[in-house]
Each structure stands twice: as C-alpha cells, then as structure tokens.
Amino acid sequence: MAPPGRESGPTEGVISVAISLSVVLLLAIILVVLLRGGSIKAGPAIVAVLFGFFLASTGMAPSINRFLNSIADTINSINF
C-alpha cells in the first residue's frame, strides 16, 4: 500500500529493484577502484562485504531500506 498522497502503480516495485541494483553496482565499482588503487586492502574489504551481507538479514534491514529509498525519492524529486 502506498503512503498517503502517493499513488501506487505497477512499476513501483520495479523502480525499487532498479535502484537497489544500481546502488549495488555503484558500490561494487567503488570497491574495485579502492582495491586496485591500494586505498583498501582485501581483508578489510571482505569484512565490509560480509558485514553488509549479514546486516541485510537483521531486523535493521527494512529501516535501512526505507532510509535509502527516501534518499532516492528525494534525489528523484529534484528538478534541474
């Protein structure tokens, strides 16, 4: 169900998945650049990836997801 004042359409879930995949791809590219540039070593990178993986299965995941979606909605509403 959509929040008040916001219509829910058939593409709402698709947009959320597209944003999630875009964020994952962007973070993966940043991680590769940091690894190749020597800014971060493989050990801490693996720990960070595992932390994110296990954090996604906790009760905090929906709150983090809502927060990131609100940031994406805010950026999307900016008119240039």
C-alpha atoms as a PDB file:
ATOM      1  CA  MET A   1       0.000   0.000   0.000  1.00  0.00           C
ATOM      2  CA  ALA A   2       1.317   3.420  -0.913  1.00  0.00           C
ATOM      3  CA  PRO A   3       1.750   6.186   1.638  1.00  0.00           C
ATOM      4  CA  PRO A   4      -0.955   8.879   1.747  1.00  0.00           C
ATOM      5  CA  GLY A   5      -0.637  11.320  -1.119  1.00  0.00           C
ATOM      6  CA  ARG A   6       1.399   8.914  -3.195  1.00  0.00           C
ATOM      7  CA  GLU A   7      -0.164   6.675  -5.790  1.00  0.00           C
ATOM      8  CA  SER A   8       0.952   3.095  -6.086  1.00  0.00           C
ATOM      9  CA  GLY A   9       1.432   1.797  -9.581  1.00  0.00           C
ATOM     10  CA  PRO A  10       2.524  -1.419 -11.238  1.00  0.00           C
ATOM     11  CA  THR A  11       6.084  -0.107 -11.666  1.00  0.00           C
ATOM     12  CA  GLU A  12       6.698   0.846  -8.018  1.00  0.00           C
ATOM     13  CA  GLY A  13       8.404  -2.449  -7.145  1.00  0.00           C
ATOM     14  CA  VAL A  14      10.360  -2.442 -10.401  1.00  0.00           C
ATOM     15  CA  ILE A  15      11.754   1.021  -9.668  1.00  0.00           C
ATOM     16  CA  SER A  16      12.810  -0.078  -6.187  1.00  0.00           C
ATOM     17  CA  VAL A  17      14.632  -3.104  -7.604  1.00  0.00           C
ATOM     18  CA  ALA A  18      16.282  -0.961 -10.289  1.00  0.00           C
ATOM     19  CA  ILE A  19      17.515   1.490  -7.648  1.00  0.00           C
ATOM     20  CA  SER A  20      18.788  -1.356  -5.473  1.00  0.00           C
ATOM     21  CA  LEU A  21      20.681  -2.930  -8.365  1.00  0.00           C
ATOM     22  CA  SER A  22      22.120   0.454  -9.337  1.00  0.00           C
ATOM     23  CA  VAL A  23      23.353   1.043  -5.785  1.00  0.00           C
ATOM     24  CA  VAL A  24      24.886  -2.444  -5.616  1.00  0.00           C
ATOM     25  CA  LEU A  25      26.641  -1.901  -8.947  1.00  0.00           C
ATOM     26  CA  LEU A  26      27.916   1.531  -7.895  1.00  0.00           C
ATOM     27  CA  LEU A  27      29.234   0.213  -4.575  1.00  0.00           C
ATOM     28  CA  ALA A  28      30.897  -2.733  -6.341  1.00  0.00           C
ATOM     29  CA  ILE A  29      32.663  -0.352  -8.743  1.00  0.00           C
ATOM     30  CA  ILE A  30      33.804   1.846  -5.854  1.00  0.00           C
ATOM     31  CA  LEU A  31      35.093  -1.221  -4.003  1.00  0.00           C
ATOM     32  CA  VAL A  32      37.061  -2.410  -7.043  1.00  0.00           C
ATOM     33  CA  VAL A  33      38.581   1.059  -7.556  1.00  0.00           C
ATOM     34  CA  LEU A  34      39.590   1.251  -3.883  1.00  0.00           C
ATOM     35  CA  LEU A  35      41.116  -2.218  -4.024  1.00  0.00           C
ATOM     36  CA  ARG A  36      43.032  -1.543  -7.240  1.00  0.00           C
ATOM     37  CA  GLY A  37      44.190   1.867  -6.046  1.00  0.00           C
ATOM     38  CA  GLY A  38      45.562   0.443  -2.824  1.00  0.00           C
ATOM     39  CA  SER A  39      43.315   2.597  -0.631  1.00  0.00           C
ATOM     40  CA  ILE A  40      41.826  -0.501   0.960  1.00  0.00           C
ATOM     41  CA  LYS A  41      43.285  -3.976   1.356  1.00  0.00           C
ATOM     42  CA  ALA A  42      41.449  -7.206   0.523  1.00  0.00           C
ATOM     43  CA  GLY A  43      40.960  -8.203   4.186  1.00  0.00           C
ATOM     44  CA  PRO A  44      39.015  -5.113   5.281  1.00  0.00           C
ATOM     45  CA  ALA A  45      37.064  -5.179   2.004  1.00  0.00           C
ATOM     46  CA  ILE A  46      35.950  -8.756   2.660  1.00  0.00           C
ATOM     47  CA  VAL A  47      34.962  -7.850   6.213  1.00  0.00           C
ATOM     48  CA  ALA A  48      32.916  -4.887   4.926  1.00  0.00           C
ATOM     49  CA  VAL A  49      31.145  -7.058   2.342  1.00  0.00           C
ATOM     50  CA  LEU A  50      30.354  -9.733   4.930  1.00  0.00           C
ATOM     51  CA  PHE A  51      29.123  -7.073   7.359  1.00  0.00           C
ATOM     52  CA  GLY A  52      26.715  -5.754   4.722  1.00  0.00           C
ATOM     53  CA  PHE A  53      25.596  -9.262   3.843  1.00  0.00           C
ATOM     54  CA  PHE A  54      24.793 -10.182   7.439  1.00  0.00           C
ATOM     55  CA  LEU A  55      23.314  -6.751   8.204  1.00  0.00           C
ATOM     56  CA  ALA A  56      20.812  -7.339   5.404  1.00  0.00           C
ATOM     57  CA  SER A  57      19.394 -10.319   7.290  1.00  0.00           C
ATOM     58  CA  THR A  58      18.840  -8.446  10.561  1.00  0.00           C
ATOM     59  CA  GLY A  59      15.822  -6.519  11.753  1.00  0.00           C
ATOM     60  CA  MET A  60      17.539  -3.278  10.772  1.00  0.00           C
ATOM     61  CA  ALA A  61      17.332  -4.089   7.052  1.00  0.00           C
ATOM     62  CA  PRO A  62      13.801  -2.654   6.493  1.00  0.00           C
ATOM     63  CA  SER A  63      14.735   0.606   8.239  1.00  0.00           C
ATOM     64  CA  ILE A  64      17.914   0.960   6.210  1.00  0.00           C
ATOM     65  CA  ASN A  65      15.979   0.165   3.039  1.00  0.00           C
ATOM     66  CA  ARG A  66      13.325   2.804   3.828  1.00  0.00           C
ATOM     67  CA  PHE A  67      16.053   5.366   4.572  1.00  0.00           C
ATOM     68  CA  LEU A  68      17.848   4.685   1.280  1.00  0.00           C
ATOM     69  CA  ASN A  69      14.566   4.727  -0.640  1.00  0.00           C
ATOM     70  CA  SER A  70      13.671   8.103   0.892  1.00  0.00           C
ATOM     71  CA  ILE A  71      17.054   9.477  -0.196  1.00  0.00           C
ATOM     72  CA  ALA A  72      16.476   8.111  -3.713  1.00  0.00           C
ATOM     73  CA  ASP A  73      12.976   9.646  -3.790  1.00  0.00           C
ATOM     74  CA  THR A  74      14.371  12.992  -2.628  1.00  0.00           C
ATOM     75  CA  ILE A  75      17.048  12.971  -5.323  1.00  0.00           C
ATOM     76  CA  ASN A  76      14.465  11.926  -7.885  1.00  0.00           C
ATOM     77  CA  SER A  77      12.186  14.848  -6.954  1.00  0.00           C
ATOM     78  CA  ILE A  78      14.893  17.462  -7.593  1.00  0.00           C
ATOM     79  CA  ASN A  79      14.162  19.457 -10.749  1.00  0.00           C
ATOM     80  CA  PHE A  80      17.182  20.720 -12.627  1.00  0.00           C
END
